[in-house]
Amino acid sequence: MRKNKRFILLFFIGITFFQAWTMIPGLHDFKPDWPVSLAFMISVSNNSALILMMDWYFSFGVISFFMMGMLKKDLYGFGKYMLVRNYNRKKFIVLKLVKTLALGIGFILIQVGIFSVVGELFLNDETYIYWYENVYALPFYILIVVFLLMSQLILELVFSEITSFLIINIYVTLSLSFWNYLQAIGKWTWLIYFFVPNAMFPLRTNHYIHQGLFIETVLSLVIVCTLITILIFFATRLIKKVDIY
């Protein structure tokens, strides 16, 4: 299992280098006032081509695949014996959620680091310009990625690991596609708040769009924080009902 995780991590690093190498020139020309280190965050914009959305999604899919089965493995492996010995179940699931938070942050920081390195090769001293002006977007991006990974983890309390993986990844891809549908029909724009992944991308928020379809960042932040709170609440309840025998 550890060897598989190492392979997935190396694959993620390789994919991220490839993404940086292919994304940076075009995205920097498209939006030169955006820090190259965070270029992957603007690969999905108000009118992104499908190829760019799929390019971004591929790295998320690898992260999600890395997380797949993390709870099941521990719950029915070594963790089973800990719980049988009256180990606090609530503490068990909270530690898993904290681990998910740490892994989510770690993966995004790897992306930032790789994009920084490749950006230096392409743009020399331009890599870090405008970082301070746009750094607000990074914590929000991380928050939504962590929310999606936590959702996948908690779904494993109810479904199999592969089913949980598919649910989250189908939700993400449908969310990105639904943006284009709402743009086309020009109504019911409030529905976009049910598709949280769109809020990860600054070019789909009110910081850059002021008419038509856009996402209010503050409202999205409230929604995501509320959803994470609900997830933690249900996780601490569900873990008590899981039959590990």
Protein backbone atom coordinates (compact mmCIF):
# COMPACT_ATOMS: atom_id res chain seq x y z
CA MET A 1 0.00 0.00 0.00
CA ARG A 2 2.79 2.44 0.87
CA LYS A 3 4.54 1.66 -2.41
CA ASN A 4 1.30 2.44 -4.27
CA LYS A 5 0.97 5.76 -2.44
CA ARG A 6 4.57 6.65 -3.30
CA PHE A 7 3.94 5.84 -6.94
CA ILE A 8 0.78 8.00 -6.99
CA LEU A 9 2.69 10.86 -5.34
CA LEU A 10 5.49 10.64 -7.91
CA PHE A 11 2.89 10.48 -10.67
CA PHE A 12 1.23 13.61 -9.25
CA ILE A 13 4.58 15.44 -9.22
CA GLY A 14 5.23 14.41 -12.83
CA ILE A 15 1.76 15.49 -13.93
CA THR A 16 2.16 18.83 -12.16
CA PHE A 17 5.47 19.50 -13.94
CA PHE A 18 3.78 18.70 -17.25
CA GLN A 19 0.83 20.96 -16.42
CA ALA A 20 3.13 23.82 -15.42
CA TRP A 21 5.17 23.42 -18.58
CA THR A 22 2.09 23.50 -20.82
CA MET A 23 -0.06 25.99 -18.88
CA ILE A 24 2.29 28.77 -17.85
CA PRO A 25 3.14 30.36 -21.24
CA GLY A 26 -0.49 30.66 -22.35
CA LEU A 27 -1.92 31.61 -18.97
CA HIS A 28 0.75 34.24 -18.36
CA ASP A 29 -0.04 35.82 -21.73
CA PHE A 30 -3.75 35.62 -20.90
CA LYS A 31 -3.37 37.21 -17.46
CA PRO A 32 0.11 38.65 -16.88
CA ASP A 33 -0.91 40.26 -13.57
CA TRP A 34 -1.49 36.87 -11.97
CA PRO A 35 1.38 35.17 -10.05
CA VAL A 36 2.81 32.29 -12.05
CA SER A 37 3.07 30.20 -8.87
CA LEU A 38 -0.74 30.12 -8.76
CA ALA A 39 -1.33 29.78 -12.50
CA PHE A 40 -3.22 26.49 -12.09
CA MET A 41 -5.97 28.45 -10.31
CA ILE A 42 -6.80 30.47 -13.43
CA SER A 43 -6.78 27.52 -15.83
CA VAL A 44 -10.57 27.46 -15.31
CA SER A 45 -12.03 30.87 -16.11
CA ASN A 46 -15.36 32.39 -17.05
CA ASN A 47 -15.17 30.94 -20.56
CA SER A 48 -12.63 28.14 -20.31
CA ALA A 49 -12.17 25.65 -23.09
CA LEU A 50 -12.92 22.05 -22.14
CA ILE A 51 -9.29 21.04 -22.63
CA LEU A 52 -8.14 23.52 -19.95
CA MET A 53 -10.78 22.34 -17.48
CA MET A 54 -9.77 18.73 -18.02
CA ASP A 55 -6.10 19.68 -17.70
CA TRP A 56 -6.84 21.16 -14.27
CA TYR A 57 -9.12 18.26 -13.27
CA PHE A 58 -6.47 15.64 -13.97
CA SER A 59 -4.33 16.78 -11.03
CA PHE A 60 -7.34 16.87 -8.70
CA GLY A 61 -8.29 13.38 -9.86
CA VAL A 62 -4.83 12.10 -8.89
CA ILE A 63 -5.10 13.72 -5.43
CA SER A 64 -8.53 12.16 -4.97
CA PHE A 65 -7.18 8.78 -6.08
CA PHE A 66 -4.35 9.08 -3.55
CA MET A 67 -6.94 9.63 -0.81
CA MET A 68 -9.15 6.73 -1.92
CA GLY A 69 -9.53 4.05 0.73
CA MET A 70 -7.58 5.97 3.37
CA LEU A 71 -10.41 5.59 5.90
CA LYS A 72 -11.49 2.07 4.91
CA LYS A 73 -7.93 0.77 5.14
CA ASP A 74 -7.50 2.04 8.67
CA LEU A 75 -11.04 1.32 9.79
CA TYR A 76 -10.88 -2.34 8.84
CA GLY A 77 -7.13 -2.76 9.25
CA PHE A 78 -5.06 -1.72 12.26
CA GLY A 79 -7.64 0.89 13.24
CA LYS A 80 -10.17 -1.87 13.82
CA TYR A 81 -8.17 -3.22 16.74
CA MET A 82 -7.81 0.26 18.21
CA LEU A 83 -11.59 0.76 18.13
CA VAL A 84 -12.28 -2.71 19.53
CA ARG A 85 -10.18 -1.76 22.56
CA ASN A 86 -12.56 1.12 23.30
CA TYR A 87 -10.47 3.71 21.47
CA ASN A 88 -12.55 6.88 21.16
CA ARG A 89 -14.30 6.71 17.78
CA LYS A 90 -14.87 10.44 17.65
CA LYS A 91 -11.17 11.05 18.18
CA PHE A 92 -10.38 8.47 15.49
CA ILE A 93 -12.46 10.20 12.79
CA VAL A 94 -11.34 13.71 13.80
CA LEU A 95 -7.70 12.63 13.44
CA LYS A 96 -8.50 11.26 9.98
CA LEU A 97 -10.07 14.59 9.02
CA VAL A 98 -7.02 16.46 10.32
CA LYS A 99 -4.80 14.13 8.27
CA THR A 100 -6.96 14.89 5.23
CA LEU A 101 -6.51 18.61 5.88
CA ALA A 102 -2.72 18.20 6.10
CA LEU A 103 -2.54 16.11 2.92
CA GLY A 104 -4.75 18.56 1.02
CA ILE A 105 -2.53 21.49 2.01
CA GLY A 106 0.57 19.46 1.19
CA PHE A 107 -0.56 18.59 -2.33
CA ILE A 108 -1.48 22.20 -3.15
CA LEU A 109 1.86 23.46 -1.80
CA ILE A 110 3.61 20.92 -4.04
CA GLN A 111 1.72 22.42 -6.99
CA VAL A 112 2.67 25.95 -5.96
CA GLY A 113 6.33 24.94 -5.60
CA ILE A 114 6.48 23.20 -8.99
CA PHE A 115 4.73 26.05 -10.78
CA SER A 116 7.19 28.45 -9.13
CA VAL A 117 10.19 26.45 -10.38
CA VAL A 118 8.85 26.09 -13.91
CA GLY A 119 7.78 29.74 -13.87
CA GLU A 120 11.36 30.75 -13.11
CA LEU A 121 12.51 28.83 -16.18
CA PHE A 122 9.97 30.57 -18.41
CA LEU A 123 9.79 34.06 -16.95
CA ASN A 124 12.94 34.54 -14.85
CA ASP A 125 12.34 37.31 -12.31
CA GLU A 126 8.67 37.76 -13.23
CA THR A 127 7.53 34.66 -11.36
CA TYR A 128 6.66 36.34 -8.08
CA ILE A 129 5.18 39.61 -9.31
CA TYR A 130 1.70 40.43 -8.10
CA TRP A 131 1.85 37.60 -5.53
CA TYR A 132 0.80 39.83 -2.64
CA GLU A 133 -2.21 41.23 -4.52
CA ASN A 134 -3.64 37.80 -5.32
CA VAL A 135 -2.52 35.59 -2.45
CA TYR A 136 -6.00 35.83 -0.88
CA ALA A 137 -7.20 33.25 -3.42
CA LEU A 138 -4.85 30.46 -2.27
CA PRO A 139 -6.37 29.77 1.20
CA PHE A 140 -9.87 29.68 -0.33
CA TYR A 141 -8.70 27.29 -3.04
CA ILE A 142 -7.13 25.01 -0.41
CA LEU A 143 -10.29 25.18 1.72
CA ILE A 144 -12.49 23.88 -1.11
CA VAL A 145 -10.04 21.13 -2.06
CA VAL A 146 -9.97 20.03 1.59
CA PHE A 147 -13.78 20.13 1.70
CA LEU A 148 -13.97 17.81 -1.33
CA LEU A 149 -11.39 15.41 0.11
CA MET A 150 -13.14 15.36 3.49
CA SER A 151 -16.43 14.62 1.71
CA GLN A 152 -14.80 11.68 -0.05
CA LEU A 153 -13.40 10.41 3.25
CA ILE A 154 -16.75 10.60 5.02
CA LEU A 155 -18.60 8.97 2.12
CA GLU A 156 -16.42 5.92 2.78
CA LEU A 157 -18.33 5.45 6.03
CA VAL A 158 -21.40 4.71 3.91
CA PHE A 159 -20.14 3.53 0.51
CA SER A 160 -17.16 1.62 -0.84
CA GLU A 161 -13.97 3.56 -1.52
CA ILE A 162 -14.38 3.37 -5.30
CA THR A 163 -18.00 4.57 -5.10
CA SER A 164 -16.95 7.49 -2.87
CA PHE A 165 -14.17 8.35 -5.31
CA LEU A 166 -16.58 8.32 -8.25
CA ILE A 167 -19.23 10.40 -6.46
CA ILE A 168 -16.78 13.20 -5.67
CA ASN A 169 -15.12 13.20 -9.08
CA ILE A 170 -18.42 13.14 -10.97
CA TYR A 171 -19.62 16.00 -8.77
CA VAL A 172 -16.50 18.04 -9.57
CA THR A 173 -16.71 17.51 -13.34
CA LEU A 174 -20.46 18.18 -13.42
CA SER A 175 -19.96 21.34 -11.37
CA LEU A 176 -17.44 22.76 -13.84
CA SER A 177 -19.68 21.86 -16.78
CA PHE A 178 -22.83 23.24 -15.16
CA TRP A 179 -21.26 26.72 -15.19
CA ASN A 180 -21.38 26.72 -18.98
CA TYR A 181 -25.01 25.58 -18.94
CA LEU A 182 -26.08 28.40 -16.60
CA GLN A 183 -24.19 30.88 -18.75
CA ALA A 184 -26.02 29.66 -21.82
CA ILE A 185 -29.55 29.88 -20.37
CA GLY A 186 -28.87 33.14 -18.49
CA LYS A 187 -31.14 32.40 -15.52
CA TRP A 188 -31.30 30.46 -12.25
CA THR A 189 -27.75 31.62 -11.56
CA TRP A 190 -28.23 31.02 -7.82
CA LEU A 191 -27.97 27.28 -8.54
CA ILE A 192 -24.23 27.70 -9.00
CA TYR A 193 -23.81 27.81 -5.22
CA PHE A 194 -24.80 24.12 -5.10
CA PHE A 195 -21.72 23.41 -7.22
CA VAL A 196 -18.99 24.43 -4.80
CA PRO A 197 -15.91 23.58 -6.92
CA ASN A 198 -16.54 26.60 -9.17
CA ALA A 199 -15.68 28.93 -6.27
CA MET A 200 -12.08 27.64 -6.30
CA PHE A 201 -11.33 29.62 -9.40
CA PRO A 202 -10.85 33.38 -8.92
CA LEU A 203 -11.84 34.17 -12.52
CA ARG A 204 -15.34 32.87 -11.76
CA THR A 205 -15.83 35.12 -8.71
CA ASN A 206 -16.95 38.68 -8.13
CA HIS A 207 -13.30 39.75 -7.86
CA TYR A 208 -13.09 39.59 -11.66
CA ILE A 209 -16.69 39.35 -12.92
CA HIS A 210 -19.24 42.03 -12.08
CA GLN A 211 -22.18 41.11 -14.29
CA GLY A 212 -23.81 37.97 -15.60
CA LEU A 213 -22.88 34.71 -13.90
CA PHE A 214 -20.39 35.03 -11.05
CA ILE A 215 -19.81 33.74 -7.52
CA GLU A 216 -19.82 35.94 -4.42
CA THR A 217 -16.62 34.95 -2.59
CA VAL A 218 -17.85 35.85 0.90
CA LEU A 219 -21.10 33.93 0.44
CA SER A 220 -19.19 30.93 -0.89
CA LEU A 221 -16.83 31.08 2.08
CA VAL A 222 -19.79 30.97 4.48
CA ILE A 223 -21.32 28.05 2.56
CA VAL A 224 -18.10 26.02 2.49
CA CYS A 225 -17.32 26.60 6.18
CA THR A 226 -20.90 25.61 7.06
CA LEU A 227 -20.64 22.45 4.95
CA ILE A 228 -17.33 21.48 6.59
CA THR A 229 -18.91 21.95 10.02
CA ILE A 230 -21.85 19.75 8.98
CA LEU A 231 -19.46 17.12 7.58
CA ILE A 232 -17.54 16.95 10.86
CA PHE A 233 -20.79 16.70 12.82
CA PHE A 234 -22.12 13.82 10.70
CA ALA A 235 -18.74 12.08 10.63
CA THR A 236 -18.61 11.94 14.43
CA ARG A 237 -22.13 10.47 14.42
CA LEU A 238 -21.67 8.00 11.58
CA ILE A 239 -18.44 6.53 12.95
CA LYS A 240 -20.36 5.40 16.06
CA LYS A 241 -22.74 3.36 13.89
CA VAL A 242 -20.13 1.66 11.72
CA ASP A 243 -19.97 -2.10 12.26
CA ILE A 244 -16.29 -3.09 12.27
CA TYR A 245 -16.76 -6.69 13.34
